[in-house]
């Protein structure tokens, strides 16, 4: 197999250049430079390694554990990691089966089963209030199976709900930003450098300690040819603050968002966030009219970025967390 450029690997495997760069920083893969070539390249071993990483990510293995699996000569560590993941999945599967079985029973009885579940709920409540009542004990004994079924449902529901428990609804207020936009190869590695310089030289954190930093693809990968895409970064500033070139001053009108906090680089969780919104009874997606060009109006807020920049990126600084923000609205609005 011939060596592949970063852009070729990004396109063929559907992985952003930012993710590839992060994998390198974590020591999971490595690239090299040829003397006769301007771009970094991946050889056959690196590409094989990337395939393994992507497969393990699809198996829901965290990156730190992937590093152990791929780099450790002690395969017992690999077995332990996989067994723990299997146990975690078994809990989720069992919980989903409980919910499915109860729903199936209700359907099989033409909907009458829902009344039995409600009766069990009332009996459970009465049992807690009057545990010594002999007459009630007799009825409780007759309905113990229904009560146990309800208990299993509640436990199953708690397990399943943990999957979406981190998702919250927030409203971003209107604000003014200093924006930088770059289109090219590996734009995430370029676009934030002028913003970082601006934050430090202007003393932005001292002026506006609640300043926040957002980013989004602009345009998304796949819009332009040959693996080129863009990334735009916003840092919030006082309304009357001037910004130096190449930064541009812009106004954001705010809006309602579903938010999910992730550890970098778990961007695959965009799919979890979108699925949660699509299945929500109250909210629905409210993508921008520009659509795919700007990620549909989705934003990535890099938490503590302005503070870390102001402090000169200390080794023990707070970083590596992002909020994925998906635009939403109340259903029917």
C-alpha atoms as a PDB file:
ATOM      1  CA  UNK A   1       0.000   0.000   0.000  1.00  0.00           C
ATOM      2  CA  UNK A   2       1.266   3.481  -0.864  1.00  0.00           C
ATOM      3  CA  UNK A   3       1.757   6.127   1.780  1.00  0.00           C
ATOM      4  CA  UNK A   4      -1.257   8.380   2.294  1.00  0.00           C
ATOM      5  CA  UNK A   5      -1.425  12.091   3.059  1.00  0.00           C
ATOM      6  CA  UNK A   6      -3.361  13.417   6.035  1.00  0.00           C
ATOM      7  CA  UNK A   7      -6.085  14.702   3.695  1.00  0.00           C
ATOM      8  CA  UNK A   8      -6.359  11.345   1.932  1.00  0.00           C
ATOM      9  CA  UNK A   9      -6.676   9.491   5.242  1.00  0.00           C
ATOM     10  CA  UNK A  10      -9.218  12.029   6.485  1.00  0.00           C
ATOM     11  CA  UNK A  11     -11.340  11.602   3.357  1.00  0.00           C
ATOM     12  CA  UNK A  12     -11.082   7.808   3.066  1.00  0.00           C
ATOM     13  CA  UNK A  13     -11.797   7.093   6.736  1.00  0.00           C
ATOM     14  CA  UNK A  14     -14.204   9.957   7.457  1.00  0.00           C
ATOM     15  CA  UNK A  15     -12.014  11.266  10.266  1.00  0.00           C
ATOM     16  CA  UNK A  16     -11.289  14.979  10.698  1.00  0.00           C
ATOM     17  CA  UNK A  17      -7.702  16.185  10.551  1.00  0.00           C
ATOM     18  CA  UNK A  18      -8.212  17.497  14.081  1.00  0.00           C
ATOM     19  CA  UNK A  19      -8.947  13.955  15.283  1.00  0.00           C
ATOM     20  CA  UNK A  20      -5.883  12.599  13.474  1.00  0.00           C
ATOM     21  CA  UNK A  21      -3.718  15.253  15.092  1.00  0.00           C
ATOM     22  CA  UNK A  22      -5.148  14.354  18.502  1.00  0.00           C
ATOM     23  CA  UNK A  23      -4.487  10.645  17.951  1.00  0.00           C
ATOM     24  CA  UNK A  24      -0.862  11.557  17.252  1.00  0.00           C
ATOM     25  CA  UNK A  25      -0.629  13.710  20.396  1.00  0.00           C
ATOM     26  CA  UNK A  26      -1.913  10.770  22.441  1.00  0.00           C
ATOM     27  CA  UNK A  27       0.670   8.445  20.888  1.00  0.00           C
ATOM     28  CA  UNK A  28      -1.919   6.246  19.198  1.00  0.00           C
ATOM     29  CA  UNK A  29      -0.614   6.757  15.646  1.00  0.00           C
ATOM     30  CA  UNK A  30       2.352   8.527  14.077  1.00  0.00           C
ATOM     31  CA  UNK A  31       2.975  10.330  10.803  1.00  0.00           C
ATOM     32  CA  UNK A  32       6.205  11.250   9.078  1.00  0.00           C
ATOM     33  CA  UNK A  33       7.530  13.665   6.500  1.00  0.00           C
ATOM     34  CA  UNK A  34       9.303  12.742   3.298  1.00  0.00           C
ATOM     35  CA  UNK A  35      12.105  15.014   2.162  1.00  0.00           C
ATOM     36  CA  UNK A  36      10.479  15.384  -1.249  1.00  0.00           C
ATOM     37  CA  UNK A  37       6.985  16.067   0.050  1.00  0.00           C
ATOM     38  CA  UNK A  38       5.449  19.067   1.802  1.00  0.00           C
ATOM     39  CA  UNK A  39       2.744  17.256   3.797  1.00  0.00           C
ATOM     40  CA  UNK A  40       2.782  14.719   6.584  1.00  0.00           C
ATOM     41  CA  UNK A  41       2.095  11.165   5.454  1.00  0.00           C
ATOM     42  CA  UNK A  42       0.937   7.915   7.023  1.00  0.00           C
ATOM     43  CA  UNK A  43       2.572   4.638   6.120  1.00  0.00           C
ATOM     44  CA  UNK A  44       0.912   1.233   5.989  1.00  0.00           C
ATOM     45  CA  UNK A  45       1.446   0.539   9.702  1.00  0.00           C
ATOM     46  CA  UNK A  46      -0.109   3.862  10.719  1.00  0.00           C
ATOM     47  CA  UNK A  47      -3.144   3.271   8.500  1.00  0.00           C
ATOM     48  CA  UNK A  48      -3.587  -0.238   9.920  1.00  0.00           C
ATOM     49  CA  UNK A  49      -3.347   1.203  13.409  1.00  0.00           C
ATOM     50  CA  UNK A  50      -5.988   3.833  12.553  1.00  0.00           C
ATOM     51  CA  UNK A  51      -8.367   1.093  11.372  1.00  0.00           C
ATOM     52  CA  UNK A  52      -7.933  -0.635  14.729  1.00  0.00           C
ATOM     53  CA  UNK A  53      -8.626   2.598  16.613  1.00  0.00           C
ATOM     54  CA  UNK A  54     -11.786   3.309  14.637  1.00  0.00           C
ATOM     55  CA  UNK A  55     -13.042  -0.247  15.139  1.00  0.00           C
ATOM     56  CA  UNK A  56     -12.475  -0.037  18.890  1.00  0.00           C
ATOM     57  CA  UNK A  57     -14.240   3.345  19.009  1.00  0.00           C
ATOM     58  CA  UNK A  58     -17.249   1.751  17.295  1.00  0.00           C
ATOM     59  CA  UNK A  59     -17.140  -0.861  20.059  1.00  0.00           C
ATOM     60  CA  UNK A  60     -17.473   2.098  22.487  1.00  0.00           C
ATOM     61  CA  UNK A  61     -13.994   1.714  24.003  1.00  0.00           C
ATOM     62  CA  UNK A  62     -12.641   5.026  25.427  1.00  0.00           C
ATOM     63  CA  UNK A  63      -9.446   6.379  23.862  1.00  0.00           C
ATOM     64  CA  UNK A  64      -7.337   5.984  26.990  1.00  0.00           C
ATOM     65  CA  UNK A  65      -8.260   2.325  27.131  1.00  0.00           C
ATOM     66  CA  UNK A  66      -7.587   1.978  23.404  1.00  0.00           C
ATOM     67  CA  UNK A  67      -4.061   3.205  24.094  1.00  0.00           C
ATOM     68  CA  UNK A  68      -3.629   0.459  26.685  1.00  0.00           C
ATOM     69  CA  UNK A  69      -5.008  -2.190  24.317  1.00  0.00           C
ATOM     70  CA  UNK A  70      -2.756  -1.186  21.432  1.00  0.00           C
ATOM     71  CA  UNK A  71       0.417  -0.368  23.348  1.00  0.00           C
ATOM     72  CA  UNK A  72       0.499  -2.903  26.177  1.00  0.00           C
ATOM     73  CA  UNK A  73       2.272  -6.215  25.771  1.00  0.00           C
ATOM     74  CA  UNK A  74       0.220  -7.584  28.680  1.00  0.00           C
ATOM     75  CA  UNK A  75      -2.926  -8.886  26.981  1.00  0.00           C
ATOM     76  CA  UNK A  76      -4.573  -9.561  30.340  1.00  0.00           C
ATOM     77  CA  UNK A  77      -5.169  -5.791  30.549  1.00  0.00           C
ATOM     78  CA  UNK A  78      -6.948  -5.951  27.199  1.00  0.00           C
ATOM     79  CA  UNK A  79      -9.137  -8.812  28.409  1.00  0.00           C
ATOM     80  CA  UNK A  80     -10.036  -6.910  31.601  1.00  0.00           C
ATOM     81  CA  UNK A  81     -11.020  -3.801  29.627  1.00  0.00           C
ATOM     82  CA  UNK A  82     -13.186  -5.815  27.240  1.00  0.00           C
ATOM     83  CA  UNK A  83     -14.855  -7.785  30.039  1.00  0.00           C
ATOM     84  CA  UNK A  84     -15.741  -4.545  31.829  1.00  0.00           C
ATOM     85  CA  UNK A  85     -17.227  -3.161  28.609  1.00  0.00           C
ATOM     86  CA  UNK A  86     -19.230  -6.357  28.083  1.00  0.00           C
ATOM     87  CA  UNK A  87     -20.624  -6.095  31.625  1.00  0.00           C
ATOM     88  CA  UNK A  88     -21.563  -2.469  31.042  1.00  0.00           C
ATOM     89  CA  UNK A  89     -23.354  -3.382  27.823  1.00  0.00           C
ATOM     90  CA  UNK A  90     -25.093  -6.314  29.485  1.00  0.00           C
ATOM     91  CA  UNK A  91     -26.597  -3.920  32.041  1.00  0.00           C
ATOM     92  CA  UNK A  92     -27.895  -1.678  29.258  1.00  0.00           C
ATOM     93  CA  UNK A  93     -29.225  -4.644  27.243  1.00  0.00           C
ATOM     94  CA  UNK A  94     -30.980  -6.149  30.278  1.00  0.00           C
ATOM     95  CA  UNK A  95     -32.596  -2.816  31.084  1.00  0.00           C
ATOM     96  CA  UNK A  96     -33.843  -2.383  27.541  1.00  0.00           C
ATOM     97  CA  UNK A  97     -35.209  -5.937  27.520  1.00  0.00           C
ATOM     98  CA  UNK A  98     -37.215  -5.266  30.696  1.00  0.00           C
ATOM     99  CA  UNK A  99     -38.802  -2.213  29.104  1.00  0.00           C
ATOM    100  CA  UNK A 100     -39.457  -4.114  25.855  1.00  0.00           C
ATOM    101  CA  UNK A 101     -41.039  -7.090  27.644  1.00  0.00           C
ATOM    102  CA  UNK A 102     -43.383  -4.919  29.700  1.00  0.00           C
ATOM    103  CA  UNK A 103     -44.453  -2.956  26.619  1.00  0.00           C
ATOM    104  CA  UNK A 104     -44.989  -6.218  24.716  1.00  0.00           C
ATOM    105  CA  UNK A 105     -47.167  -7.590  27.521  1.00  0.00           C
ATOM    106  CA  UNK A 106     -49.328  -4.458  27.514  1.00  0.00           C
ATOM    107  CA  UNK A 107     -49.715  -4.700  23.715  1.00  0.00           C
ATOM    108  CA  UNK A 108     -50.554  -8.423  23.887  1.00  0.00           C
ATOM    109  CA  UNK A 109     -53.412  -7.636  26.264  1.00  0.00           C
ATOM    110  CA  UNK A 110     -54.831  -4.971  24.033  1.00  0.00           C
ATOM    111  CA  UNK A 111     -53.697  -2.173  26.326  1.00  0.00           C
ATOM    112  CA  UNK A 112     -55.307  -3.631  29.449  1.00  0.00           C
ATOM    113  CA  UNK A 113     -51.910  -4.332  30.969  1.00  0.00           C
ATOM    114  CA  UNK A 114     -51.403  -0.646  31.683  1.00  0.00           C
ATOM    115  CA  UNK A 115     -54.152  -0.811  34.311  1.00  0.00           C
ATOM    116  CA  UNK A 116     -52.352  -3.639  36.099  1.00  0.00           C
ATOM    117  CA  UNK A 117     -49.160  -1.607  36.218  1.00  0.00           C
ATOM    118  CA  UNK A 118     -51.040   1.338  37.679  1.00  0.00           C
ATOM    119  CA  UNK A 119     -52.623  -0.920  40.306  1.00  0.00           C
ATOM    120  CA  UNK A 120     -49.189  -2.241  41.244  1.00  0.00           C
ATOM    121  CA  UNK A 121     -47.939   1.294  41.667  1.00  0.00           C
ATOM    122  CA  UNK A 122     -50.795   2.105  44.079  1.00  0.00           C
ATOM    123  CA  UNK A 123     -50.266  -1.103  46.043  1.00  0.00           C
ATOM    124  CA  UNK A 124     -46.560  -0.335  46.381  1.00  0.00           C
ATOM    125  CA  UNK A 125     -47.379   3.125  47.741  1.00  0.00           C
ATOM    126  CA  UNK A 126     -49.941   1.771  50.225  1.00  0.00           C
ATOM    127  CA  UNK A 127     -47.484  -0.847  51.426  1.00  0.00           C
ATOM    128  CA  UNK A 128     -45.061   1.899  52.378  1.00  0.00           C
ATOM    129  CA  UNK A 129     -47.760   3.763  54.321  1.00  0.00           C
ATOM    130  CA  UNK A 130     -49.428   0.840  56.197  1.00  0.00           C
ATOM    131  CA  UNK A 131     -46.958  -2.093  56.451  1.00  0.00           C
ATOM    132  CA  UNK A 132     -48.832  -3.703  59.393  1.00  0.00           C
ATOM    133  CA  UNK A 133     -52.352  -3.857  57.944  1.00  0.00           C
ATOM    134  CA  UNK A 134     -53.267  -7.562  57.600  1.00  0.00           C
ATOM    135  CA  UNK A 135     -56.001  -7.005  55.057  1.00  0.00           C
ATOM    136  CA  UNK A 136     -53.705  -5.034  52.853  1.00  0.00           C
ATOM    137  CA  UNK A 137     -50.977  -7.655  53.217  1.00  0.00           C
ATOM    138  CA  UNK A 138     -53.287 -10.231  51.663  1.00  0.00           C
ATOM    139  CA  UNK A 139     -53.917  -8.034  48.653  1.00  0.00           C
ATOM    140  CA  UNK A 140     -50.252  -7.156  48.408  1.00  0.00           C
ATOM    141  CA  UNK A 141     -49.298 -10.823  48.344  1.00  0.00           C
ATOM    142  CA  UNK A 142     -51.721 -11.473  45.493  1.00  0.00           C
ATOM    143  CA  UNK A 143     -50.221  -8.627  43.501  1.00  0.00           C
ATOM    144  CA  UNK A 144     -46.552  -9.137  44.408  1.00  0.00           C
ATOM    145  CA  UNK A 145     -45.668 -10.205  40.871  1.00  0.00           C
ATOM    146  CA  UNK A 146     -47.070  -6.958  39.478  1.00  0.00           C
ATOM    147  CA  UNK A 147     -45.158  -4.935  42.080  1.00  0.00           C
ATOM    148  CA  UNK A 148     -41.878  -6.703  41.266  1.00  0.00           C
ATOM    149  CA  UNK A 149     -42.475  -6.011  37.602  1.00  0.00           C
ATOM    150  CA  UNK A 150     -42.915  -2.329  38.322  1.00  0.00           C
ATOM    151  CA  UNK A 151     -39.730  -2.286  40.407  1.00  0.00           C
ATOM    152  CA  UNK A 152     -37.828  -3.880  37.538  1.00  0.00           C
ATOM    153  CA  UNK A 153     -39.251  -1.281  35.173  1.00  0.00           C
ATOM    154  CA  UNK A 154     -38.137   1.583  37.411  1.00  0.00           C
ATOM    155  CA  UNK A 155     -34.612   0.189  37.700  1.00  0.00           C
ATOM    156  CA  UNK A 156     -34.432  -0.416  33.965  1.00  0.00           C
ATOM    157  CA  UNK A 157     -35.658   3.077  33.217  1.00  0.00           C
ATOM    158  CA  UNK A 158     -33.021   4.572  35.516  1.00  0.00           C
ATOM    159  CA  UNK A 159     -30.282   2.652  33.699  1.00  0.00           C
ATOM    160  CA  UNK A 160     -31.442   3.681  30.242  1.00  0.00           C
ATOM    161  CA  UNK A 161     -31.987   7.311  31.235  1.00  0.00           C
ATOM    162  CA  UNK A 162     -28.360   7.624  32.308  1.00  0.00           C
ATOM    163  CA  UNK A 163     -27.463   7.609  28.622  1.00  0.00           C
ATOM    164  CA  UNK A 164     -29.133  10.986  28.119  1.00  0.00           C
ATOM    165  CA  UNK A 165     -28.880  12.396  31.630  1.00  0.00           C
ATOM    166  CA  UNK A 166     -25.986  14.691  30.698  1.00  0.00           C
ATOM    167  CA  UNK A 167     -28.002  16.513  28.035  1.00  0.00           C
ATOM    168  CA  UNK A 168     -29.392  19.860  29.150  1.00  0.00           C
ATOM    169  CA  UNK A 169     -31.274  22.771  27.596  1.00  0.00           C
ATOM    170  CA  UNK A 170     -29.614  26.195  27.576  1.00  0.00           C
ATOM    171  CA  UNK A 171     -30.348  29.572  26.007  1.00  0.00           C
ATOM    172  CA  UNK A 172     -27.370  31.470  24.662  1.00  0.00           C
ATOM    173  CA  UNK A 173     -27.854  35.238  25.009  1.00  0.00           C
ATOM    174  CA  UNK A 174     -26.975  37.688  22.215  1.00  0.00           C
ATOM    175  CA  UNK A 175     -23.309  38.657  22.268  1.00  0.00           C
ATOM    176  CA  UNK A 176     -20.545  40.309  20.261  1.00  0.00           C
ATOM    177  CA  UNK A 177     -17.616  38.197  19.071  1.00  0.00           C
ATOM    178  CA  UNK A 178     -14.196  38.531  17.545  1.00  0.00           C
ATOM    179  CA  UNK A 179     -14.228  35.985  14.726  1.00  0.00           C
ATOM    180  CA  UNK A 180     -11.440  34.300  12.813  1.00  0.00           C
ATOM    181  CA  UNK A 181     -12.127  32.097   9.799  1.00  0.00           C
ATOM    182  CA  UNK A 182      -9.665  29.935   7.889  1.00  0.00           C
ATOM    183  CA  UNK A 183     -10.174  27.595   4.920  1.00  0.00           C
ATOM    184  CA  UNK A 184      -7.465  25.136   3.971  1.00  0.00           C
ATOM    185  CA  UNK A 185      -5.867  21.887   5.021  1.00  0.00           C
ATOM    186  CA  UNK A 186      -6.049  21.195   8.740  1.00  0.00           C
ATOM    187  CA  UNK A 187      -7.775  24.535   9.516  1.00  0.00           C
ATOM    188  CA  UNK A 188      -8.264  23.766  13.234  1.00  0.00           C
ATOM    189  CA  UNK A 189      -4.477  23.855  13.657  1.00  0.00           C
ATOM    190  CA  UNK A 190      -4.302  27.367  12.164  1.00  0.00           C
ATOM    191  CA  UNK A 191      -7.465  29.276  12.994  1.00  0.00           C
ATOM    192  CA  UNK A 192      -7.083  29.689  16.746  1.00  0.00           C
ATOM    193  CA  UNK A 193      -3.534  31.102  16.749  1.00  0.00           C
ATOM    194  CA  UNK A 194      -4.566  34.733  16.003  1.00  0.00           C
ATOM    195  CA  UNK A 195      -7.378  34.400  18.565  1.00  0.00           C
ATOM    196  CA  UNK A 196      -4.963  33.095  21.193  1.00  0.00           C
ATOM    197  CA  UNK A 197      -2.631  36.039  20.499  1.00  0.00           C
ATOM    198  CA  UNK A 198      -5.527  38.514  20.700  1.00  0.00           C
ATOM    199  CA  UNK A 199      -6.691  37.145  24.060  1.00  0.00           C
ATOM    200  CA  UNK A 200      -3.264  37.495  25.636  1.00  0.00           C
ATOM    201  CA  UNK A 201      -2.226  40.842  24.118  1.00  0.00           C
ATOM    202  CA  UNK A 202      -5.570  42.538  24.805  1.00  0.00           C
ATOM    203  CA  UNK A 203      -5.845  41.163  28.350  1.00  0.00           C
ATOM    204  CA  UNK A 204      -9.330  40.022  27.382  1.00  0.00           C
ATOM    205  CA  UNK A 205      -9.747  37.777  30.422  1.00  0.00           C
ATOM    206  CA  UNK A 206      -9.104  40.706  32.762  1.00  0.00           C
ATOM    207  CA  UNK A 207     -11.566  42.867  30.826  1.00  0.00           C
ATOM    208  CA  UNK A 208     -14.209  40.167  30.412  1.00  0.00           C
ATOM    209  CA  UNK A 209     -13.560  37.184  32.704  1.00  0.00           C
ATOM    210  CA  UNK A 210     -16.775  35.486  31.508  1.00  0.00           C
ATOM    211  CA  UNK A 211     -15.538  35.478  27.901  1.00  0.00           C
ATOM    212  CA  UNK A 212     -16.310  32.257  26.017  1.00  0.00           C
ATOM    213  CA  UNK A 213     -14.907  30.587  22.904  1.00  0.00           C
ATOM    214  CA  UNK A 214     -16.969  28.793  20.249  1.00  0.00           C
ATOM    215  CA  UNK A 215     -16.045  27.066  17.012  1.00  0.00           C
ATOM    216  CA  UNK A 216     -17.707  25.345  14.058  1.00  0.00           C
ATOM    217  CA  UNK A 217     -16.874  23.912  10.640  1.00  0.00           C
ATOM    218  CA  UNK A 218     -17.227  26.525   7.894  1.00  0.00           C
ATOM    219  CA  UNK A 219     -17.589  24.919   5.437  1.00  0.00           C
ATOM    220  CA  UNK A 220     -18.033  21.361   6.615  1.00  0.00           C
ATOM    221  CA  UNK A 221     -15.722  18.671   5.210  1.00  0.00           C
ATOM    222  CA  UNK A 222     -17.149  17.407   1.934  1.00  0.00           C
ATOM    223  CA  UNK A 223     -18.378  20.769   0.659  1.00  0.00           C
ATOM    224  CA  UNK A 224     -15.072  21.599  -1.025  1.00  0.00           C
ATOM    225  CA  UNK A 225     -12.846  19.222  -2.969  1.00  0.00           C
ATOM    226  CA  UNK A 226      -9.580  17.479  -2.086  1.00  0.00           C
ATOM    227  CA  UNK A 227     -10.208  17.333   1.647  1.00  0.00           C
ATOM    228  CA  UNK A 228     -10.146  21.096   2.147  1.00  0.00           C
ATOM    229  CA  UNK A 229     -12.602  22.529   4.650  1.00  0.00           C
ATOM    230  CA  UNK A 230     -12.848  25.500   6.974  1.00  0.00           C
ATOM    231  CA  UNK A 231     -13.190  26.288  10.652  1.00  0.00           C
ATOM    232  CA  UNK A 232     -14.410  29.487  12.297  1.00  0.00           C
ATOM    233  CA  UNK A 233     -13.703  30.538  15.884  1.00  0.00           C
ATOM    234  CA  UNK A 234     -15.598  33.101  17.971  1.00  0.00           C
ATOM    235  CA  UNK A 235     -14.452  34.641  21.220  1.00  0.00           C
ATOM    236  CA  UNK A 236     -16.959  36.825  23.055  1.00  0.00           C
ATOM    237  CA  UNK A 237     -15.874  40.441  23.660  1.00  0.00           C
ATOM    238  CA  UNK A 238     -17.351  43.669  25.083  1.00  0.00           C
ATOM    239  CA  UNK A 239     -19.701  45.323  22.592  1.00  0.00           C
ATOM    240  CA  UNK A 240     -17.484  48.413  22.236  1.00  0.00           C
ATOM    241  CA  UNK A 241     -14.183  46.570  21.859  1.00  0.00           C
ATOM    242  CA  UNK A 242     -12.251  46.876  18.599  1.00  0.00           C
ATOM    243  CA  UNK A 243     -10.443  43.873  17.123  1.00  0.00           C
ATOM    244  CA  UNK A 244      -7.270  43.693  15.008  1.00  0.00           C
ATOM    245  CA  UNK A 245      -7.032  42.011  11.609  1.00  0.00           C
ATOM    246  CA  UNK A 246      -7.407  39.228  10.630  1.00  0.00           C
ATOM    247  CA  UNK A 247     -10.146  39.037  13.292  1.00  0.00           C
ATOM    248  CA  UNK A 248     -13.578  40.377  12.363  1.00  0.00           C
ATOM    249  CA  UNK A 249     -16.174  41.781  14.740  1.00  0.00           C
ATOM    250  CA  UNK A 250     -19.580  40.053  14.514  1.00  0.00           C
ATOM    251  CA  UNK A 251     -22.896  39.938  16.349  1.00  0.00           C
ATOM    252  CA  UNK A 252     -24.582  36.702  17.439  1.00  0.00           C
ATOM    253  CA  UNK A 253     -28.311  36.889  18.165  1.00  0.00           C
ATOM    254  CA  UNK A 254     -28.453  33.981  20.605  1.00  0.00           C
ATOM    255  CA  UNK A 255     -30.859  31.067  20.674  1.00  0.00           C
ATOM    256  CA  UNK A 256     -32.013  27.861  22.327  1.00  0.00           C
ATOM    257  CA  UNK A 257     -29.698  24.831  22.309  1.00  0.00           C
ATOM    258  CA  UNK A 258     -29.471  21.246  23.498  1.00  0.00           C
ATOM    259  CA  UNK A 259     -26.057  20.888  25.152  1.00  0.00           C
ATOM    260  CA  UNK A 260     -23.869  17.875  25.851  1.00  0.00           C
ATOM    261  CA  UNK A 261     -20.472  18.079  27.565  1.00  0.00           C
ATOM    262  CA  UNK A 262     -17.789  15.773  26.153  1.00  0.00           C
ATOM    263  CA  UNK A 263     -14.129  15.073  26.672  1.00  0.00           C
ATOM    264  CA  UNK A 264     -12.017  15.845  23.631  1.00  0.00           C
ATOM    265  CA  UNK A 265     -12.134  14.175  21.118  1.00  0.00           C
ATOM    266  CA  UNK A 266     -15.470  12.344  21.591  1.00  0.00           C
ATOM    267  CA  UNK A 267     -17.134  14.133  18.672  1.00  0.00           C
ATOM    268  CA  UNK A 268     -18.972  10.928  17.752  1.00  0.00           C
ATOM    269  CA  UNK A 269     -21.446  11.973  20.471  1.00  0.00           C
ATOM    270  CA  UNK A 270     -22.958  14.493  18.072  1.00  0.00           C
ATOM    271  CA  UNK A 271     -25.001  11.485  16.928  1.00  0.00           C
ATOM    272  CA  UNK A 272     -26.218  10.866  20.518  1.00  0.00           C
ATOM    273  CA  UNK A 273     -27.253  14.502  20.868  1.00  0.00           C
ATOM    274  CA  UNK A 274     -29.102  14.537  17.544  1.00  0.00           C
ATOM    275  CA  UNK A 275     -30.907  11.277  18.362  1.00  0.00           C
ATOM    276  CA  UNK A 276     -31.989  12.696  21.743  1.00  0.00           C
ATOM    277  CA  UNK A 277     -33.469  15.797  20.123  1.00  0.00           C
ATOM    278  CA  UNK A 278     -35.233  13.811  17.383  1.00  0.00           C
ATOM    279  CA  UNK A 279     -36.885  11.596  20.015  1.00  0.00           C
ATOM    280  CA  UNK A 280     -37.824  14.461  22.347  1.00  0.00           C
ATOM    281  CA  UNK A 281     -41.499  15.223  22.932  1.00  0.00           C
ATOM    282  CA  UNK A 282     -40.949  18.921  23.665  1.00  0.00           C
ATOM    283  CA  UNK A 283     -38.159  20.107  21.379  1.00  0.00           C
ATOM    284  CA  UNK A 284     -37.210  19.669  17.741  1.00  0.00           C
ATOM    285  CA  UNK A 285     -34.177  20.529  15.617  1.00  0.00           C
ATOM    286  CA  UNK A 286     -33.845  24.115  14.466  1.00  0.00           C
ATOM    287  CA  UNK A 287     -31.004  23.922  11.978  1.00  0.00           C
ATOM    288  CA  UNK A 288     -29.748  27.081  10.298  1.00  0.00           C
ATOM    289  CA  UNK A 289     -30.938  27.861   6.776  1.00  0.00           C
ATOM    290  CA  UNK A 290     -27.281  27.662   5.709  1.00  0.00           C
ATOM    291  CA  UNK A 291     -27.483  23.987   6.617  1.00  0.00           C
ATOM    292  CA  UNK A 292     -24.482  21.770   5.969  1.00  0.00           C
ATOM    293  CA  UNK A 293     -22.311  24.757   5.091  1.00  0.00           C
ATOM    294  CA  UNK A 294     -21.947  25.713   8.783  1.00  0.00           C
ATOM    295  CA  UNK A 295     -22.854  22.499  10.616  1.00  0.00           C
ATOM    296  CA  UNK A 296     -26.516  23.525  10.578  1.00  0.00           C
ATOM    297  CA  UNK A 297     -25.807  26.220  13.149  1.00  0.00           C
ATOM    298  CA  UNK A 298     -24.324  23.777  15.665  1.00  0.00           C
ATOM    299  CA  UNK A 299     -21.540  25.115  17.867  1.00  0.00           C
ATOM    300  CA  UNK A 300     -18.654  23.640  19.813  1.00  0.00           C
ATOM    301  CA  UNK A 301     -17.866  25.618  22.964  1.00  0.00           C
ATOM    302  CA  UNK A 302     -14.321  25.013  24.152  1.00  0.00           C
ATOM    303  CA  UNK A 303     -14.693  25.261  27.924  1.00  0.00           C
ATOM    304  CA  UNK A 304     -12.081  27.246  29.880  1.00  0.00           C
ATOM    305  CA  UNK A 305     -10.245  28.081  26.645  1.00  0.00           C
ATOM    306  CA  UNK A 306     -10.046  31.850  27.285  1.00  0.00           C
ATOM    307  CA  UNK A 307      -8.769  31.306  30.820  1.00  0.00           C
ATOM    308  CA  UNK A 308      -6.147  28.796  29.677  1.00  0.00           C
ATOM    309  CA  UNK A 309      -4.983  31.146  26.913  1.00  0.00           C
ATOM    310  CA  UNK A 310      -4.744  34.060  29.360  1.00  0.00           C
ATOM    311  CA  UNK A 311      -2.623  31.911  31.713  1.00  0.00           C
ATOM    312  CA  UNK A 312      -0.245  30.898  28.918  1.00  0.00           C
ATOM    313  CA  UNK A 313      -1.602  27.337  28.671  1.00  0.00           C
ATOM    314  CA  UNK A 314      -0.191  25.938  31.940  1.00  0.00           C
ATOM    315  CA  UNK A 315       0.397  22.199  32.023  1.00  0.00           C
ATOM    316  CA  UNK A 316      -2.046  21.803  34.889  1.00  0.00           C
ATOM    317  CA  UNK A 317      -4.645  24.083  33.290  1.00  0.00           C
ATOM    318  CA  UNK A 318      -8.271  23.097  32.804  1.00  0.00           C
ATOM    319  CA  UNK A 319      -8.778  21.944  29.230  1.00  0.00           C
ATOM    320  CA  UNK A 320     -10.033  19.096  27.124  1.00  0.00           C
ATOM    321  CA  UNK A 321     -13.758  19.681  27.700  1.00  0.00           C
ATOM    322  CA  UNK A 322     -16.283  20.928  25.165  1.00  0.00           C
ATOM    323  CA  UNK A 323     -19.991  21.562  25.006  1.00  0.00           C
ATOM    324  CA  UNK A 324     -21.675  20.300  21.847  1.00  0.00           C
ATOM    325  CA  UNK A 325     -24.509  22.746  21.148  1.00  0.00           C
ATOM    326  CA  UNK A 326     -27.365  21.820  18.802  1.00  0.00           C
ATOM    327  CA  UNK A 327     -29.965  24.495  17.880  1.00  0.00           C
ATOM    328  CA  UNK A 328     -33.521  23.569  18.913  1.00  0.00           C
ATOM    329  CA  UNK A 329     -36.984  25.064  19.307  1.00  0.00           C
ATOM    330  CA  UNK A 330     -40.242  24.100  20.970  1.00  0.00           C
ATOM    331  CA  UNK A 331     -42.243  21.729  18.781  1.00  0.00           C
ATOM    332  CA  UNK A 332     -44.775  23.582  16.646  1.00  0.00           C
ATOM    333  CA  UNK A 333     -43.173  27.007  17.054  1.00  0.00           C
END
